[in-house]
C-alpha cells in the first residue's frame, strides 16, 4: 500500500456513526479545535511541533463521524509553574475510535514535546497510533508507531493483517530517520515492525519527521475506516485487556512523569496521566501493573523503578524489510 494510496483512500472514505461515549469526568461537545485560519497562523510561528499538532487535530477533527470531547477545565487551561511553558490538549471520539488525543507542550527553544495517541474501541483489534516526540536545543528523542495490541512475532495473522502492506512506510522513512540507540526486548514488546525510533540529530524535523508523521496518521485512519467490528464477547474482552495492559505499562513507566511533575505539580500531573494521557486506565480493567508484569515486583511488593530489566539489547533495527523479527 503506497503512501499516496493511503492519503487518497483516506480522503474519500466515510464512516457511519453510531454514537460516542464521554471522556471520564467530561461531556461531549464541539470543542475548540483550530479552524483553517488559526492553523495557518500558528504554523508561521516557528514552533517545532505545532504544525504536527495542527495536522492531527485538523485531519481527525474534520471527519464526519468524529466528535470533539470537552475536557475537564483543569486540562483545558493548564498553567505551568514557570509561567511560560504552554500546553495544548485536544481529544476526540467516534464510533470506532474510543479516544484520540493530541498534546503539545511548548517551552520555546529549551523544550518542545508532542504526544499523540489514538485508541480504537474494544470491538476492534486495530493497533494504537503513537507519536511521542521530545526535543531540546541539543537533542531529539522520537518514537512513531502503530503499536500492536498483540505480538506480531507470535500472532502472525495479526502482523499480516495490519503491517505487511505498510512496510514500505518504514522502509522509506527509516532512511532519513535511522535507528536511535540500544533498546531491549522489554521496550520492544509494545513496538511494531513499523516503529521509527530515532534521535534525528542535526535534522530539520519539518522535512524529515513531519512527512512520516502525516503518512503514519493517515495510514492508521485508513486502517480504522476499513476495520470491521467483532461481536464475539471473548474477542472484545481480549482487545480491551490488551489496551488496558498497554495503558498500565505506559502510565507506570512513562519517562515524562518527572517533567510533568516539575511543570504542573504532583497532584495535577497524576490526574492528567490517569484521566487524560492514558484515558481508560481506570475503566478498561482492574488488573494492576504487577498483575501484568510480575517480574517488576520487589521484596516489599512494590513496583521496581528499574528499567530495562529483561531482554536482549538491540543497537540496530531488529526487524527486516518484511517486518520479520531477527532472532539472532
C-alpha atoms as a PDB file:
ATOM      1  CA  UNK A   1       0.000   0.000   0.000  1.00  0.00           C
ATOM      2  CA  UNK A   2       1.671   3.228  -1.128  1.00  0.00           C
ATOM      3  CA  UNK A   3       1.547   6.387   0.941  1.00  0.00           C
ATOM      4  CA  UNK A   4      -0.208   8.102  -1.979  1.00  0.00           C
ATOM      5  CA  UNK A   5      -2.892   5.409  -1.911  1.00  0.00           C
ATOM      6  CA  UNK A   6      -3.245   5.815   1.842  1.00  0.00           C
ATOM      7  CA  UNK A   7      -3.788   9.544   1.513  1.00  0.00           C
ATOM      8  CA  UNK A   8      -6.208   9.199  -1.426  1.00  0.00           C
ATOM      9  CA  UNK A   9      -8.296   6.473   0.181  1.00  0.00           C
ATOM     10  CA  UNK A  10      -8.403   8.294   3.488  1.00  0.00           C
ATOM     11  CA  UNK A  11      -9.912  11.371   1.899  1.00  0.00           C
ATOM     12  CA  UNK A  12     -12.747   9.541   0.118  1.00  0.00           C
ATOM     13  CA  UNK A  13     -13.768   7.034   2.802  1.00  0.00           C
ATOM     14  CA  UNK A  14     -16.638   7.845   5.158  1.00  0.00           C
ATOM     15  CA  UNK A  15     -17.661   6.156   8.363  1.00  0.00           C
ATOM     16  CA  UNK A  16     -21.249   5.669   9.513  1.00  0.00           C
ATOM     17  CA  UNK A  17     -21.585   6.843  13.130  1.00  0.00           C
ATOM     18  CA  UNK A  18     -23.349   5.056  15.975  1.00  0.00           C
ATOM     19  CA  UNK A  19     -22.780   7.440  18.904  1.00  0.00           C
ATOM     20  CA  UNK A  20     -19.894   8.207  21.249  1.00  0.00           C
ATOM     21  CA  UNK A  21     -19.125   7.804  24.898  1.00  0.00           C
ATOM     22  CA  UNK A  22     -17.816  10.589  27.103  1.00  0.00           C
ATOM     23  CA  UNK A  23     -14.363  11.230  28.394  1.00  0.00           C
ATOM     24  CA  UNK A  24     -14.173  10.378  32.090  1.00  0.00           C
ATOM     25  CA  UNK A  25     -15.211  13.448  34.024  1.00  0.00           C
ATOM     26  CA  UNK A  26     -16.142  15.358  30.884  1.00  0.00           C
ATOM     27  CA  UNK A  27     -19.034  15.634  28.480  1.00  0.00           C
ATOM     28  CA  UNK A  28     -19.128  15.580  24.717  1.00  0.00           C
ATOM     29  CA  UNK A  29     -19.021  18.878  22.951  1.00  0.00           C
ATOM     30  CA  UNK A  30     -17.987  20.552  19.763  1.00  0.00           C
ATOM     31  CA  UNK A  31     -14.716  21.551  21.378  1.00  0.00           C
ATOM     32  CA  UNK A  32     -12.488  24.364  20.192  1.00  0.00           C
ATOM     33  CA  UNK A  33     -10.122  22.686  17.753  1.00  0.00           C
ATOM     34  CA  UNK A  34      -8.375  25.013  15.364  1.00  0.00           C
ATOM     35  CA  UNK A  35     -10.046  26.324  12.260  1.00  0.00           C
ATOM     36  CA  UNK A  36      -8.142  26.804   8.956  1.00  0.00           C
ATOM     37  CA  UNK A  37      -7.195  30.406   9.673  1.00  0.00           C
ATOM     38  CA  UNK A  38      -5.805  29.594  13.121  1.00  0.00           C
ATOM     39  CA  UNK A  39      -3.860  26.640  11.716  1.00  0.00           C
ATOM     40  CA  UNK A  40      -2.184  28.795   9.082  1.00  0.00           C
ATOM     41  CA  UNK A  41      -1.304  31.475  11.619  1.00  0.00           C
ATOM     42  CA  UNK A  42       0.133  29.066  14.151  1.00  0.00           C
ATOM     43  CA  UNK A  43       2.241  27.245  11.579  1.00  0.00           C
ATOM     44  CA  UNK A  44       4.057  30.503  10.875  1.00  0.00           C
ATOM     45  CA  UNK A  45       5.120  30.871  14.488  1.00  0.00           C
ATOM     46  CA  UNK A  46       8.106  28.544  14.054  1.00  0.00           C
ATOM     47  CA  UNK A  47       7.317  26.142  16.890  1.00  0.00           C
ATOM     48  CA  UNK A  48       8.649  22.700  16.019  1.00  0.00           C
ATOM     49  CA  UNK A  49       5.629  20.550  16.764  1.00  0.00           C
ATOM     50  CA  UNK A  50       2.732  22.974  16.362  1.00  0.00           C
ATOM     51  CA  UNK A  51       2.233  22.004  12.678  1.00  0.00           C
ATOM     52  CA  UNK A  52       2.176  18.323  13.741  1.00  0.00           C
ATOM     53  CA  UNK A  53      -0.432  19.089  16.405  1.00  0.00           C
ATOM     54  CA  UNK A  54      -2.497  21.099  13.949  1.00  0.00           C
ATOM     55  CA  UNK A  55      -2.385  18.386  11.294  1.00  0.00           C
ATOM     56  CA  UNK A  56      -3.621  15.736  13.729  1.00  0.00           C
ATOM     57  CA  UNK A  57      -6.413  17.980  15.031  1.00  0.00           C
ATOM     58  CA  UNK A  58      -7.466  19.021  11.541  1.00  0.00           C
ATOM     59  CA  UNK A  59      -7.442  15.545   9.993  1.00  0.00           C
ATOM     60  CA  UNK A  60      -9.193  13.794  12.875  1.00  0.00           C
ATOM     61  CA  UNK A  61     -11.484  16.621  13.971  1.00  0.00           C
ATOM     62  CA  UNK A  62     -12.898  17.261  10.490  1.00  0.00           C
ATOM     63  CA  UNK A  63     -14.041  13.674   9.901  1.00  0.00           C
ATOM     64  CA  UNK A  64     -17.843  13.258   9.682  1.00  0.00           C
ATOM     65  CA  UNK A  65     -18.072  10.588  12.388  1.00  0.00           C
ATOM     66  CA  UNK A  66     -15.867  12.353  14.929  1.00  0.00           C
ATOM     67  CA  UNK A  67     -16.910  14.424  17.932  1.00  0.00           C
ATOM     68  CA  UNK A  68     -14.589  16.659  19.918  1.00  0.00           C
ATOM     69  CA  UNK A  69     -14.562  15.917  23.628  1.00  0.00           C
ATOM     70  CA  UNK A  70     -14.927  18.736  26.130  1.00  0.00           C
ATOM     71  CA  UNK A  71     -12.091  18.206  28.572  1.00  0.00           C
ATOM     72  CA  UNK A  72     -12.058  18.912  32.271  1.00  0.00           C
ATOM     73  CA  UNK A  73     -11.404  22.570  32.983  1.00  0.00           C
ATOM     74  CA  UNK A  74      -8.052  21.788  34.628  1.00  0.00           C
ATOM     75  CA  UNK A  75      -6.830  20.095  31.423  1.00  0.00           C
ATOM     76  CA  UNK A  76      -8.136  22.815  29.097  1.00  0.00           C
ATOM     77  CA  UNK A  77      -6.283  25.589  30.920  1.00  0.00           C
ATOM     78  CA  UNK A  78      -3.090  24.070  32.311  1.00  0.00           C
ATOM     79  CA  UNK A  79      -0.621  26.676  33.513  1.00  0.00           C
ATOM     80  CA  UNK A  80       2.948  25.634  34.186  1.00  0.00           C
ATOM     81  CA  UNK A  81       4.724  26.731  37.341  1.00  0.00           C
ATOM     82  CA  UNK A  82       7.364  28.573  35.301  1.00  0.00           C
ATOM     83  CA  UNK A  83       4.681  30.836  33.845  1.00  0.00           C
ATOM     84  CA  UNK A  84       5.972  30.440  30.275  1.00  0.00           C
ATOM     85  CA  UNK A  85       5.501  26.819  29.212  1.00  0.00           C
ATOM     86  CA  UNK A  86       2.206  26.279  27.397  1.00  0.00           C
ATOM     87  CA  UNK A  87       0.244  23.108  26.698  1.00  0.00           C
ATOM     88  CA  UNK A  88      -2.478  22.382  24.168  1.00  0.00           C
ATOM     89  CA  UNK A  89      -4.809  19.393  24.660  1.00  0.00           C
ATOM     90  CA  UNK A  90      -7.443  18.245  22.156  1.00  0.00           C
ATOM     91  CA  UNK A  91      -9.404  14.999  22.314  1.00  0.00           C
ATOM     92  CA  UNK A  92     -11.903  13.224  20.055  1.00  0.00           C
ATOM     93  CA  UNK A  93     -14.032  10.085  19.819  1.00  0.00           C
ATOM     94  CA  UNK A  94     -16.000   8.294  17.104  1.00  0.00           C
ATOM     95  CA  UNK A  95     -17.952   5.097  16.516  1.00  0.00           C
ATOM     96  CA  UNK A  96     -14.652   3.253  16.011  1.00  0.00           C
ATOM     97  CA  UNK A  97     -12.270   5.470  17.945  1.00  0.00           C
ATOM     98  CA  UNK A  98     -12.533   5.156  21.732  1.00  0.00           C
ATOM     99  CA  UNK A  99     -10.165   8.033  22.359  1.00  0.00           C
ATOM    100  CA  UNK A 100      -7.850  10.168  20.247  1.00  0.00           C
ATOM    101  CA  UNK A 101      -5.774  12.929  21.778  1.00  0.00           C
ATOM    102  CA  UNK A 102      -3.174  15.401  20.607  1.00  0.00           C
ATOM    103  CA  UNK A 103      -0.962  17.131  23.197  1.00  0.00           C
ATOM    104  CA  UNK A 104       1.663  19.787  22.558  1.00  0.00           C
ATOM    105  CA  UNK A 105       3.936  21.222  25.250  1.00  0.00           C
ATOM    106  CA  UNK A 106       5.897  24.301  24.240  1.00  0.00           C
ATOM    107  CA  UNK A 107       8.696  25.720  26.361  1.00  0.00           C
ATOM    108  CA  UNK A 108      10.268  27.624  23.486  1.00  0.00           C
ATOM    109  CA  UNK A 109      13.791  26.761  22.304  1.00  0.00           C
ATOM    110  CA  UNK A 110      14.541  24.895  25.540  1.00  0.00           C
ATOM    111  CA  UNK A 111      11.927  22.162  25.060  1.00  0.00           C
ATOM    112  CA  UNK A 112       9.210  21.013  22.674  1.00  0.00           C
ATOM    113  CA  UNK A 113       7.040  17.923  23.257  1.00  0.00           C
ATOM    114  CA  UNK A 114       4.362  16.293  21.107  1.00  0.00           C
ATOM    115  CA  UNK A 115       2.362  13.292  22.280  1.00  0.00           C
ATOM    116  CA  UNK A 116      -0.414  11.936  20.069  1.00  0.00           C
ATOM    117  CA  UNK A 117      -2.334   8.729  20.739  1.00  0.00           C
ATOM    118  CA  UNK A 118      -5.275   7.029  19.059  1.00  0.00           C
ATOM    119  CA  UNK A 119      -7.033   4.037  20.581  1.00  0.00           C
ATOM    120  CA  UNK A 120      -9.810   2.012  18.925  1.00  0.00           C
ATOM    121  CA  UNK A 121     -12.944   0.823  20.645  1.00  0.00           C
ATOM    122  CA  UNK A 122     -12.669  -2.714  22.081  1.00  0.00           C
ATOM    123  CA  UNK A 123     -14.760  -4.144  19.226  1.00  0.00           C
ATOM    124  CA  UNK A 124     -11.697  -3.585  17.055  1.00  0.00           C
ATOM    125  CA  UNK A 125      -8.201  -5.060  17.401  1.00  0.00           C
ATOM    126  CA  UNK A 126      -6.717  -2.170  15.393  1.00  0.00           C
ATOM    127  CA  UNK A 127      -3.232  -1.050  16.535  1.00  0.00           C
ATOM    128  CA  UNK A 128      -2.766   2.053  18.691  1.00  0.00           C
ATOM    129  CA  UNK A 129      -1.445   5.167  16.994  1.00  0.00           C
ATOM    130  CA  UNK A 130       1.541   6.521  18.930  1.00  0.00           C
ATOM    131  CA  UNK A 131       3.668   9.612  18.342  1.00  0.00           C
ATOM    132  CA  UNK A 132       5.984  10.542  21.203  1.00  0.00           C
ATOM    133  CA  UNK A 133       8.420  13.355  20.332  1.00  0.00           C
ATOM    134  CA  UNK A 134      10.734  15.201  22.729  1.00  0.00           C
ATOM    135  CA  UNK A 135      13.155  17.908  21.604  1.00  0.00           C
ATOM    136  CA  UNK A 136      15.543  20.302  23.312  1.00  0.00           C
ATOM    137  CA  UNK A 137      18.187  22.610  21.894  1.00  0.00           C
ATOM    138  CA  UNK A 138      20.685  19.726  21.882  1.00  0.00           C
ATOM    139  CA  UNK A 139      18.742  16.508  21.282  1.00  0.00           C
ATOM    140  CA  UNK A 140      15.646  14.812  19.890  1.00  0.00           C
ATOM    141  CA  UNK A 141      14.026  11.608  21.100  1.00  0.00           C
ATOM    142  CA  UNK A 142      11.475  10.324  18.597  1.00  0.00           C
ATOM    143  CA  UNK A 143       9.079   7.357  18.628  1.00  0.00           C
ATOM    144  CA  UNK A 144       6.440   6.972  15.898  1.00  0.00           C
ATOM    145  CA  UNK A 145       4.492   3.738  15.566  1.00  0.00           C
ATOM    146  CA  UNK A 146       1.255   1.851  15.211  1.00  0.00           C
ATOM    147  CA  UNK A 147       1.613  -0.059  18.479  1.00  0.00           C
ATOM    148  CA  UNK A 148       0.266  -3.627  18.197  1.00  0.00           C
ATOM    149  CA  UNK A 149      -2.297  -4.958  20.644  1.00  0.00           C
ATOM    150  CA  UNK A 150      -0.775  -8.410  20.181  1.00  0.00           C
ATOM    151  CA  UNK A 151       2.734  -9.647  19.441  1.00  0.00           C
ATOM    152  CA  UNK A 152       3.496  -9.530  15.726  1.00  0.00           C
ATOM    153  CA  UNK A 153       6.091 -12.269  16.227  1.00  0.00           C
ATOM    154  CA  UNK A 154       3.639 -14.676  17.875  1.00  0.00           C
ATOM    155  CA  UNK A 155       0.369 -13.708  16.197  1.00  0.00           C
ATOM    156  CA  UNK A 156       1.428 -13.877  12.550  1.00  0.00           C
ATOM    157  CA  UNK A 157      -2.096 -13.293  11.249  1.00  0.00           C
ATOM    158  CA  UNK A 158      -2.206 -10.001  13.190  1.00  0.00           C
ATOM    159  CA  UNK A 159       1.062  -8.924  11.586  1.00  0.00           C
ATOM    160  CA  UNK A 160      -0.168  -9.870   8.136  1.00  0.00           C
ATOM    161  CA  UNK A 161      -3.492  -8.092   8.623  1.00  0.00           C
ATOM    162  CA  UNK A 162      -2.127  -4.757   9.807  1.00  0.00           C
ATOM    163  CA  UNK A 163       1.561  -4.431   8.974  1.00  0.00           C
ATOM    164  CA  UNK A 164       2.711  -6.323   5.896  1.00  0.00           C
ATOM    165  CA  UNK A 165       1.232  -3.889   3.361  1.00  0.00           C
ATOM    166  CA  UNK A 166       2.578  -0.890   5.287  1.00  0.00           C
ATOM    167  CA  UNK A 167       6.219  -1.971   5.451  1.00  0.00           C
ATOM    168  CA  UNK A 168       7.090   0.422   2.559  1.00  0.00           C
ATOM    169  CA  UNK A 169       6.343   3.254   5.001  1.00  0.00           C
ATOM    170  CA  UNK A 170       9.098   2.348   7.445  1.00  0.00           C
ATOM    171  CA  UNK A 171      11.480   1.320   4.678  1.00  0.00           C
ATOM    172  CA  UNK A 172      11.026   4.787   3.176  1.00  0.00           C
ATOM    173  CA  UNK A 173      11.259   6.922   6.305  1.00  0.00           C
ATOM    174  CA  UNK A 174      13.945   4.912   8.142  1.00  0.00           C
ATOM    175  CA  UNK A 175      16.425   6.122   5.535  1.00  0.00           C
ATOM    176  CA  UNK A 176      16.280   9.641   6.954  1.00  0.00           C
ATOM    177  CA  UNK A 177      15.199   8.652  10.487  1.00  0.00           C
ATOM    178  CA  UNK A 178      17.686   5.891  11.384  1.00  0.00           C
ATOM    179  CA  UNK A 179      17.527   3.654  14.458  1.00  0.00           C
ATOM    180  CA  UNK A 180      18.348   5.746  17.505  1.00  0.00           C
ATOM    181  CA  UNK A 181      20.163   3.658  20.099  1.00  0.00           C
ATOM    182  CA  UNK A 182      20.008   0.447  22.081  1.00  0.00           C
ATOM    183  CA  UNK A 183      16.572  -0.824  23.087  1.00  0.00           C
ATOM    184  CA  UNK A 184      15.802  -4.014  24.985  1.00  0.00           C
ATOM    185  CA  UNK A 185      13.197  -6.634  24.169  1.00  0.00           C
ATOM    186  CA  UNK A 186      11.363  -5.278  27.201  1.00  0.00           C
ATOM    187  CA  UNK A 187      10.840  -1.949  25.456  1.00  0.00           C
ATOM    188  CA  UNK A 188      10.170  -3.533  22.072  1.00  0.00           C
ATOM    189  CA  UNK A 189       7.207  -5.555  23.357  1.00  0.00           C
ATOM    190  CA  UNK A 190       4.918  -2.612  22.603  1.00  0.00           C
ATOM    191  CA  UNK A 191       6.512  -1.663  19.270  1.00  0.00           C
ATOM    192  CA  UNK A 192       5.644  -2.931  15.803  1.00  0.00           C
ATOM    193  CA  UNK A 193       7.844  -3.568  12.746  1.00  0.00           C
ATOM    194  CA  UNK A 194       6.775  -0.085  11.603  1.00  0.00           C
ATOM    195  CA  UNK A 195       8.322   1.745  14.541  1.00  0.00           C
ATOM    196  CA  UNK A 196      10.527   4.747  13.866  1.00  0.00           C
ATOM    197  CA  UNK A 197      12.787   5.149  16.893  1.00  0.00           C
ATOM    198  CA  UNK A 198      15.403   7.807  16.269  1.00  0.00           C
ATOM    199  CA  UNK A 199      17.361  10.658  17.770  1.00  0.00           C
ATOM    200  CA  UNK A 200      17.326  12.606  14.492  1.00  0.00           C
ATOM    201  CA  UNK A 201      20.482  14.553  15.255  1.00  0.00           C
ATOM    202  CA  UNK A 202      21.046  17.729  13.239  1.00  0.00           C
ATOM    203  CA  UNK A 203      17.870  17.334  11.195  1.00  0.00           C
ATOM    204  CA  UNK A 204      15.203  19.739  10.067  1.00  0.00           C
ATOM    205  CA  UNK A 205      12.269  17.808  11.513  1.00  0.00           C
ATOM    206  CA  UNK A 206       9.792  19.682   9.343  1.00  0.00           C
ATOM    207  CA  UNK A 207      11.401  17.988   6.333  1.00  0.00           C
ATOM    208  CA  UNK A 208      12.127  14.538   7.759  1.00  0.00           C
ATOM    209  CA  UNK A 209       9.767  13.740  10.635  1.00  0.00           C
ATOM    210  CA  UNK A 210       6.694  15.710   9.566  1.00  0.00           C
ATOM    211  CA  UNK A 211       6.142  13.711   6.324  1.00  0.00           C
ATOM    212  CA  UNK A 212       6.499  10.472   8.296  1.00  0.00           C
ATOM    213  CA  UNK A 213       4.032  11.683  10.931  1.00  0.00           C
ATOM    214  CA  UNK A 214       1.451  12.509   8.272  1.00  0.00           C
ATOM    215  CA  UNK A 215       1.923   9.192   6.474  1.00  0.00           C
ATOM    216  CA  UNK A 216       1.578   7.159   9.661  1.00  0.00           C
ATOM    217  CA  UNK A 217      -1.503   9.020  10.873  1.00  0.00           C
ATOM    218  CA  UNK A 218      -3.244   8.728   7.510  1.00  0.00           C
ATOM    219  CA  UNK A 219      -2.367   5.030   7.386  1.00  0.00           C
ATOM    220  CA  UNK A 220      -3.848   4.476  10.848  1.00  0.00           C
ATOM    221  CA  UNK A 221      -7.030   6.348   9.961  1.00  0.00           C
ATOM    222  CA  UNK A 222      -7.426   4.258   6.825  1.00  0.00           C
ATOM    223  CA  UNK A 223      -6.977   1.043   8.811  1.00  0.00           C
ATOM    224  CA  UNK A 224      -9.632   2.246  11.244  1.00  0.00           C
ATOM    225  CA  UNK A 225     -12.007   3.132   8.408  1.00  0.00           C
ATOM    226  CA  UNK A 226     -11.743  -0.347   6.918  1.00  0.00           C
ATOM    227  CA  UNK A 227     -11.894  -2.255  10.218  1.00  0.00           C
ATOM    228  CA  UNK A 228     -14.894  -4.462  10.904  1.00  0.00           C
ATOM    229  CA  UNK A 229     -16.123  -4.908  14.483  1.00  0.00           C
ATOM    230  CA  UNK A 230     -16.280  -8.238  16.252  1.00  0.00           C
ATOM    231  CA  UNK A 231     -19.396  -9.262  18.148  1.00  0.00           C
ATOM    232  CA  UNK A 232     -17.639 -12.096  19.958  1.00  0.00           C
ATOM    233  CA  UNK A 233     -17.579 -11.128  23.669  1.00  0.00           C
ATOM    234  CA  UNK A 234     -14.368 -13.097  24.212  1.00  0.00           C
ATOM    235  CA  UNK A 235     -12.584 -11.191  21.438  1.00  0.00           C
ATOM    236  CA  UNK A 236     -13.895  -7.873  22.752  1.00  0.00           C
ATOM    237  CA  UNK A 237     -12.649  -8.732  26.238  1.00  0.00           C
ATOM    238  CA  UNK A 238      -9.264  -9.765  24.828  1.00  0.00           C
ATOM    239  CA  UNK A 239      -8.909  -6.492  22.915  1.00  0.00           C
ATOM    240  CA  UNK A 240      -9.946  -4.487  25.966  1.00  0.00           C
ATOM    241  CA  UNK A 241      -7.452  -6.214  28.212  1.00  0.00           C
ATOM    242  CA  UNK A 242      -4.684  -5.676  25.645  1.00  0.00           C
ATOM    243  CA  UNK A 243      -5.418  -1.939  25.678  1.00  0.00           C
ATOM    244  CA  UNK A 244      -5.524  -1.868  29.467  1.00  0.00           C
ATOM    245  CA  UNK A 245      -2.205  -3.718  29.704  1.00  0.00           C
ATOM    246  CA  UNK A 246      -0.677  -1.182  27.296  1.00  0.00           C
ATOM    247  CA  UNK A 247      -2.065   1.797  29.220  1.00  0.00           C
ATOM    248  CA  UNK A 248      -0.959   0.333  32.545  1.00  0.00           C
ATOM    249  CA  UNK A 249       2.604  -0.035  31.285  1.00  0.00           C
ATOM    250  CA  UNK A 250       2.700   3.433  29.770  1.00  0.00           C
ATOM    251  CA  UNK A 251       1.183   5.197  32.778  1.00  0.00           C
ATOM    252  CA  UNK A 252       3.502   3.471  35.240  1.00  0.00           C
ATOM    253  CA  UNK A 253       6.724   3.631  33.242  1.00  0.00           C
ATOM    254  CA  UNK A 254       6.168   6.900  31.406  1.00  0.00           C
ATOM    255  CA  UNK A 255       9.546   8.717  31.371  1.00  0.00           C
ATOM    256  CA  UNK A 256       7.759  12.062  31.099  1.00  0.00           C
ATOM    257  CA  UNK A 257       6.316  11.863  34.613  1.00  0.00           C
ATOM    258  CA  UNK A 258       9.167  13.866  36.284  1.00  0.00           C
ATOM    259  CA  UNK A 259       8.814  16.577  33.639  1.00  0.00           C
ATOM    260  CA  UNK A 260       5.066  16.858  34.167  1.00  0.00           C
ATOM    261  CA  UNK A 261       5.524  16.959  37.934  1.00  0.00           C
ATOM    262  CA  UNK A 262       8.055  19.760  37.612  1.00  0.00           C
ATOM    263  CA  UNK A 263       5.734  21.742  35.327  1.00  0.00           C
ATOM    264  CA  UNK A 264       2.366  21.196  36.996  1.00  0.00           C
ATOM    265  CA  UNK A 265       2.919  19.677  40.430  1.00  0.00           C
ATOM    266  CA  UNK A 266       2.385  16.096  41.514  1.00  0.00           C
ATOM    267  CA  UNK A 267      -1.394  16.122  42.104  1.00  0.00           C
ATOM    268  CA  UNK A 268      -2.394  17.671  38.773  1.00  0.00           C
ATOM    269  CA  UNK A 269       0.194  15.594  36.910  1.00  0.00           C
ATOM    270  CA  UNK A 270      -1.148  12.333  38.323  1.00  0.00           C
ATOM    271  CA  UNK A 271      -4.717  13.251  37.371  1.00  0.00           C
ATOM    272  CA  UNK A 272      -3.505  14.324  33.933  1.00  0.00           C
ATOM    273  CA  UNK A 273      -1.702  10.997  33.402  1.00  0.00           C
ATOM    274  CA  UNK A 274      -4.567   8.795  34.628  1.00  0.00           C
ATOM    275  CA  UNK A 275      -7.601  10.692  33.292  1.00  0.00           C
ATOM    276  CA  UNK A 276      -6.265  12.188  30.063  1.00  0.00           C
ATOM    277  CA  UNK A 277      -2.924  10.959  28.754  1.00  0.00           C
ATOM    278  CA  UNK A 278      -3.805   7.320  29.396  1.00  0.00           C
ATOM    279  CA  UNK A 279      -7.573   7.566  29.395  1.00  0.00           C
ATOM    280  CA  UNK A 280      -9.094   4.148  30.015  1.00  0.00           C
ATOM    281  CA  UNK A 281      -6.611   3.195  32.696  1.00  0.00           C
ATOM    282  CA  UNK A 282      -9.355   3.311  35.335  1.00  0.00           C
ATOM    283  CA  UNK A 283     -12.228   1.999  33.226  1.00  0.00           C
ATOM    284  CA  UNK A 284     -10.967  -0.737  30.884  1.00  0.00           C
ATOM    285  CA  UNK A 285      -9.795  -3.165  33.547  1.00  0.00           C
ATOM    286  CA  UNK A 286      -8.953  -3.765  37.189  1.00  0.00           C
ATOM    287  CA  UNK A 287      -5.617  -5.550  36.936  1.00  0.00           C
ATOM    288  CA  UNK A 288      -2.607  -3.804  38.432  1.00  0.00           C
ATOM    289  CA  UNK A 289       0.817  -3.266  36.907  1.00  0.00           C
ATOM    290  CA  UNK A 290       2.191  -6.197  38.896  1.00  0.00           C
ATOM    291  CA  UNK A 291      -0.636  -8.422  37.691  1.00  0.00           C
ATOM    292  CA  UNK A 292       0.515  -7.811  34.135  1.00  0.00           C
ATOM    293  CA  UNK A 293       4.244  -7.562  34.823  1.00  0.00           C
ATOM    294  CA  UNK A 294       5.093  -9.649  37.931  1.00  0.00           C
ATOM    295  CA  UNK A 295       8.816  -9.532  37.112  1.00  0.00           C
ATOM    296  CA  UNK A 296       8.822  -5.954  38.458  1.00  0.00           C
ATOM    297  CA  UNK A 297       7.670  -6.968  41.927  1.00  0.00           C
ATOM    298  CA  UNK A 298      10.145  -6.052  44.666  1.00  0.00           C
ATOM    299  CA  UNK A 299      10.560  -7.783  48.008  1.00  0.00           C
ATOM    300  CA  UNK A 300       8.164  -5.325  49.639  1.00  0.00           C
ATOM    301  CA  UNK A 301       5.523  -5.888  46.905  1.00  0.00           C
ATOM    302  CA  UNK A 302       6.029  -2.542  45.206  1.00  0.00           C
ATOM    303  CA  UNK A 303       6.903  -1.822  41.573  1.00  0.00           C
ATOM    304  CA  UNK A 304      10.624  -1.702  40.845  1.00  0.00           C
ATOM    305  CA  UNK A 305      11.723   1.621  39.414  1.00  0.00           C
ATOM    306  CA  UNK A 306      14.474  -0.086  37.451  1.00  0.00           C
ATOM    307  CA  UNK A 307      14.088  -0.075  33.675  1.00  0.00           C
ATOM    308  CA  UNK A 308      15.386  -2.496  31.067  1.00  0.00           C
ATOM    309  CA  UNK A 309      15.279  -5.444  33.424  1.00  0.00           C
ATOM    310  CA  UNK A 310      14.787  -8.193  30.884  1.00  0.00           C
ATOM    311  CA  UNK A 311      15.545  -8.966  27.270  1.00  0.00           C
ATOM    312  CA  UNK A 312      18.291  -8.629  24.736  1.00  0.00           C
ATOM    313  CA  UNK A 313      19.520  -5.184  23.704  1.00  0.00           C
ATOM    314  CA  UNK A 314      19.296  -4.133  20.033  1.00  0.00           C
ATOM    315  CA  UNK A 315      21.548  -1.400  18.660  1.00  0.00           C
ATOM    316  CA  UNK A 316      20.097  -1.692  15.133  1.00  0.00           C
ATOM    317  CA  UNK A 317      16.579  -2.258  13.809  1.00  0.00           C
ATOM    318  CA  UNK A 318      15.603  -5.793  14.862  1.00  0.00           C
ATOM    319  CA  UNK A 319      13.122  -6.327  12.007  1.00  0.00           C
ATOM    320  CA  UNK A 320      13.974  -6.992   8.368  1.00  0.00           C
ATOM    321  CA  UNK A 321      12.407  -5.150   5.436  1.00  0.00           C
ATOM    322  CA  UNK A 322       9.432  -7.531   5.525  1.00  0.00           C
ATOM    323  CA  UNK A 323       8.711  -6.926   9.205  1.00  0.00           C
ATOM    324  CA  UNK A 324      10.080 -10.250  10.427  1.00  0.00           C
ATOM    325  CA  UNK A 325      11.844 -10.128  13.791  1.00  0.00           C
ATOM    326  CA  UNK A 326      15.516 -11.072  13.643  1.00  0.00           C
ATOM    327  CA  UNK A 327      16.066 -13.677  16.333  1.00  0.00           C
ATOM    328  CA  UNK A 328      19.875 -13.533  16.215  1.00  0.00           C
END
